[in-house]
């Protein structure tokens, strides 16, 4: 993989990246990689549909699902 050095980053931008990284639970370096991947049009590694759905539910204040499991026993699969 390639390496890159970026000089003369304004202090306020650096602080904003560090804060964003903390919110997303990753290092500042990992946060910058995620920002660059998104800007380049490449999907962010490790992003999963379940994570997005959970974030959506949290943003909506939670979602209650009234689910009932069937009482009948499960059938085993037979492979011949």
N, C-alpha and C. Protein backbone atom coordinates (compact mmCIF):
# COMPACT_ATOMS: atom_id res chain seq x y z
N UNK A 1 0.83 -1.18 0.00
CA UNK A 1 0.00 0.00 0.00
C UNK A 1 0.88 1.24 0.00
N UNK A 2 0.35 2.28 -0.56
CA UNK A 2 1.09 3.53 -0.64
C UNK A 2 0.97 4.29 0.68
N UNK A 3 1.94 5.17 0.91
CA UNK A 3 1.93 6.04 2.09
C UNK A 3 1.91 7.48 1.60
N UNK A 4 1.35 8.37 2.43
CA UNK A 4 1.23 9.77 2.04
C UNK A 4 1.45 10.63 3.27
N UNK A 5 2.16 11.73 3.10
CA UNK A 5 2.34 12.70 4.17
C UNK A 5 1.62 13.97 3.76
N UNK A 6 0.84 14.51 4.66
CA UNK A 6 0.11 15.75 4.38
C UNK A 6 0.61 16.80 5.36
N UNK A 7 1.13 17.87 4.83
CA UNK A 7 1.69 18.93 5.67
C UNK A 7 0.75 20.12 5.74
N UNK A 8 0.97 20.96 6.73
CA UNK A 8 0.27 22.24 6.90
C UNK A 8 -1.24 22.09 7.05
N UNK A 9 -1.65 21.10 7.83
CA UNK A 9 -3.08 20.95 8.14
C UNK A 9 -3.42 21.98 9.21
N UNK A 10 -4.42 22.81 8.99
CA UNK A 10 -4.80 23.80 10.01
C UNK A 10 -5.18 23.11 11.33
N UNK A 11 -4.86 23.75 12.44
CA UNK A 11 -5.11 23.17 13.75
C UNK A 11 -6.59 22.82 13.95
N UNK A 12 -7.49 23.69 13.49
CA UNK A 12 -8.91 23.41 13.68
C UNK A 12 -9.37 22.19 12.89
N UNK A 13 -8.79 21.98 11.72
CA UNK A 13 -9.12 20.80 10.92
C UNK A 13 -8.59 19.55 11.62
N UNK A 14 -7.38 19.63 12.13
CA UNK A 14 -6.78 18.49 12.84
C UNK A 14 -7.62 18.12 14.06
N UNK A 15 -8.05 19.11 14.83
CA UNK A 15 -8.89 18.85 15.99
C UNK A 15 -10.23 18.25 15.60
N UNK A 16 -10.80 18.74 14.49
CA UNK A 16 -12.08 18.21 14.02
C UNK A 16 -11.94 16.75 13.60
N UNK A 17 -10.83 16.40 12.96
CA UNK A 17 -10.61 15.01 12.54
C UNK A 17 -10.43 14.12 13.77
N UNK A 18 -9.71 14.60 14.77
CA UNK A 18 -9.55 13.82 15.99
C UNK A 18 -10.89 13.61 16.70
N UNK A 19 -11.72 14.63 16.74
CA UNK A 19 -13.04 14.50 17.37
C UNK A 19 -13.91 13.52 16.59
N UNK A 20 -13.88 13.62 15.28
CA UNK A 20 -14.66 12.71 14.44
C UNK A 20 -14.19 11.28 14.62
N UNK A 21 -12.88 11.09 14.71
CA UNK A 21 -12.32 9.76 14.91
C UNK A 21 -12.79 9.17 16.25
N UNK A 22 -12.78 9.98 17.31
CA UNK A 22 -13.26 9.51 18.61
C UNK A 22 -14.73 9.08 18.54
N UNK A 23 -15.55 9.90 17.85
CA UNK A 23 -16.98 9.55 17.71
C UNK A 23 -17.17 8.23 16.97
N UNK A 24 -16.28 7.96 16.01
CA UNK A 24 -16.40 6.74 15.21
C UNK A 24 -15.58 5.58 15.77
N UNK A 25 -14.93 5.80 16.91
CA UNK A 25 -14.19 4.72 17.56
C UNK A 25 -12.97 4.25 16.82
N UNK A 26 -12.26 5.17 16.18
CA UNK A 26 -11.03 4.78 15.48
C UNK A 26 -9.97 5.86 15.64
N UNK A 27 -8.77 5.55 15.20
CA UNK A 27 -7.67 6.51 15.30
C UNK A 27 -7.86 7.63 14.28
N UNK A 28 -7.13 8.73 14.49
CA UNK A 28 -7.20 9.83 13.53
C UNK A 28 -6.72 9.37 12.16
N UNK A 29 -5.69 8.55 12.14
CA UNK A 29 -5.17 8.04 10.86
C UNK A 29 -6.21 7.19 10.15
N UNK A 30 -6.89 6.32 10.88
CA UNK A 30 -7.95 5.49 10.28
C UNK A 30 -9.10 6.36 9.80
N UNK A 31 -9.39 7.42 10.54
CA UNK A 31 -10.48 8.33 10.14
C UNK A 31 -10.14 9.03 8.83
N UNK A 32 -8.89 9.49 8.70
CA UNK A 32 -8.47 10.14 7.45
C UNK A 32 -8.55 9.16 6.29
N UNK A 33 -8.15 7.90 6.53
CA UNK A 33 -8.27 6.88 5.46
C UNK A 33 -9.72 6.71 5.05
N UNK A 34 -10.63 6.65 6.02
CA UNK A 34 -12.06 6.49 5.71
C UNK A 34 -12.57 7.69 4.91
N UNK A 35 -12.15 8.89 5.30
CA UNK A 35 -12.56 10.10 4.58
C UNK A 35 -12.06 10.05 3.15
N UNK A 36 -10.80 9.67 2.97
CA UNK A 36 -10.22 9.60 1.62
C UNK A 36 -10.90 8.53 0.77
N UNK A 37 -11.19 7.38 1.37
CA UNK A 37 -11.87 6.31 0.63
C UNK A 37 -13.26 6.76 0.18
N UNK A 38 -13.98 7.43 1.07
CA UNK A 38 -15.32 7.92 0.71
C UNK A 38 -15.23 8.99 -0.38
N UNK A 39 -14.24 9.87 -0.28
CA UNK A 39 -14.09 10.92 -1.28
C UNK A 39 -13.69 10.36 -2.64
N UNK A 40 -12.97 9.25 -2.62
CA UNK A 40 -12.54 8.62 -3.87
C UNK A 40 -13.64 7.76 -4.49
N UNK A 41 -14.77 7.64 -3.80
CA UNK A 41 -15.88 6.85 -4.32
C UNK A 41 -15.78 5.38 -4.02
N UNK A 42 -14.87 5.01 -3.14
CA UNK A 42 -14.69 3.61 -2.76
C UNK A 42 -15.44 3.38 -1.45
N UNK A 43 -16.17 2.28 -1.32
CA UNK A 43 -16.89 2.03 -0.08
C UNK A 43 -15.92 1.88 1.08
N UNK A 44 -16.34 2.30 2.25
CA UNK A 44 -15.51 2.22 3.43
C UNK A 44 -15.40 0.77 3.86
N UNK A 45 -14.17 0.31 4.05
CA UNK A 45 -13.93 -1.08 4.44
C UNK A 45 -14.59 -1.36 5.79
N UNK A 46 -15.21 -2.50 5.90
CA UNK A 46 -15.79 -2.90 7.16
C UNK A 46 -17.21 -2.39 7.39
N UNK A 47 -17.72 -1.55 6.52
CA UNK A 47 -19.07 -1.03 6.69
C UNK A 47 -20.05 -2.11 6.29
N UNK A 48 -20.99 -2.40 7.17
CA UNK A 48 -21.94 -3.47 6.90
C UNK A 48 -23.37 -2.94 6.97
N UNK A 49 -24.25 -3.59 6.27
CA UNK A 49 -25.64 -3.18 6.22
C UNK A 49 -26.26 -3.16 7.61
N UNK A 50 -25.93 -4.13 8.44
CA UNK A 50 -26.47 -4.17 9.80
C UNK A 50 -26.08 -2.94 10.60
N UNK A 51 -24.84 -2.49 10.43
CA UNK A 51 -24.39 -1.28 11.12
C UNK A 51 -25.21 -0.07 10.68
N UNK A 52 -25.48 0.02 9.40
CA UNK A 52 -26.27 1.14 8.89
C UNK A 52 -27.70 1.09 9.40
N UNK A 53 -28.29 -0.10 9.44
CA UNK A 53 -29.66 -0.24 9.93
C UNK A 53 -29.74 0.08 11.42
N UNK A 54 -28.74 -0.36 12.18
CA UNK A 54 -28.71 -0.05 13.61
C UNK A 54 -28.59 1.45 13.83
N UNK A 55 -27.76 2.12 13.04
CA UNK A 55 -27.60 3.57 13.15
C UNK A 55 -28.90 4.28 12.80
N UNK A 56 -29.60 3.80 11.79
CA UNK A 56 -30.88 4.38 11.41
C UNK A 56 -31.90 4.23 12.53
N UNK A 57 -31.97 3.04 13.11
CA UNK A 57 -32.89 2.81 14.22
C UNK A 57 -32.57 3.71 15.40
N UNK A 58 -31.29 3.87 15.69
CA UNK A 58 -30.88 4.75 16.80
C UNK A 58 -31.26 6.19 16.50
N UNK A 59 -31.06 6.62 15.26
CA UNK A 59 -31.41 7.99 14.88
C UNK A 59 -32.91 8.24 14.99
N UNK A 60 -33.71 7.21 14.80
CA UNK A 60 -35.16 7.33 14.89
C UNK A 60 -35.68 7.17 16.32
N UNK A 61 -34.75 6.97 17.25
CA UNK A 61 -35.16 6.83 18.64
C UNK A 61 -35.48 5.41 19.03
N UNK A 62 -35.06 4.46 18.23
CA UNK A 62 -35.31 3.06 18.54
C UNK A 62 -36.52 2.53 17.79
N UNK A 63 -36.51 1.26 17.56
CA UNK A 63 -37.60 0.60 16.84
C UNK A 63 -38.00 -0.63 17.64
N UNK A 64 -39.27 -0.75 17.97
CA UNK A 64 -39.77 -1.91 18.69
C UNK A 64 -40.36 -2.90 17.69
N UNK A 65 -39.91 -4.12 17.77
CA UNK A 65 -40.45 -5.17 16.92
C UNK A 65 -41.19 -6.17 17.79
N UNK A 66 -42.43 -6.43 17.45
CA UNK A 66 -43.24 -7.38 18.20
C UNK A 66 -43.16 -8.71 17.46
N UNK A 67 -42.18 -9.51 17.81
CA UNK A 67 -41.95 -10.77 17.11
C UNK A 67 -42.28 -11.94 18.03
N UNK A 68 -42.88 -12.96 17.47
CA UNK A 68 -43.16 -14.18 18.21
C UNK A 68 -42.52 -15.35 17.48
N UNK A 69 -41.84 -16.17 18.24
CA UNK A 69 -41.25 -17.36 17.66
C UNK A 69 -42.29 -18.47 17.62
N UNK A 70 -42.29 -19.26 16.57
CA UNK A 70 -43.25 -20.38 16.52
C UNK A 70 -42.89 -21.41 17.59
N UNK A 71 -43.92 -22.06 18.14
CA UNK A 71 -43.71 -23.07 19.18
C UNK A 71 -43.38 -24.44 18.62
N UNK A 72 -43.54 -24.63 17.32
CA UNK A 72 -43.28 -25.95 16.73
C UNK A 72 -41.77 -26.19 16.67
N UNK A 73 -41.37 -27.46 16.82
CA UNK A 73 -39.93 -27.76 16.77
C UNK A 73 -39.38 -27.54 15.36
N UNK A 74 -38.13 -27.21 15.31
CA UNK A 74 -37.49 -27.01 14.02
C UNK A 74 -37.18 -28.36 13.39
N UNK A 75 -37.26 -28.43 12.09
CA UNK A 75 -36.95 -29.65 11.37
C UNK A 75 -35.47 -29.65 11.00
N UNK A 76 -34.87 -30.79 11.06
CA UNK A 76 -33.46 -30.90 10.67
C UNK A 76 -33.37 -31.07 9.16
N UNK A 77 -32.30 -30.57 8.61
CA UNK A 77 -32.08 -30.70 7.17
C UNK A 77 -31.53 -32.08 6.87
N UNK A 78 -31.96 -32.63 5.75
CA UNK A 78 -31.45 -33.94 5.32
C UNK A 78 -30.74 -33.74 3.99
N UNK A 79 -29.50 -34.20 3.95
CA UNK A 79 -28.70 -34.10 2.73
C UNK A 79 -28.45 -35.51 2.22
N UNK A 80 -28.85 -35.72 0.98
CA UNK A 80 -28.63 -37.07 0.41
C UNK A 80 -27.73 -37.01 -0.79
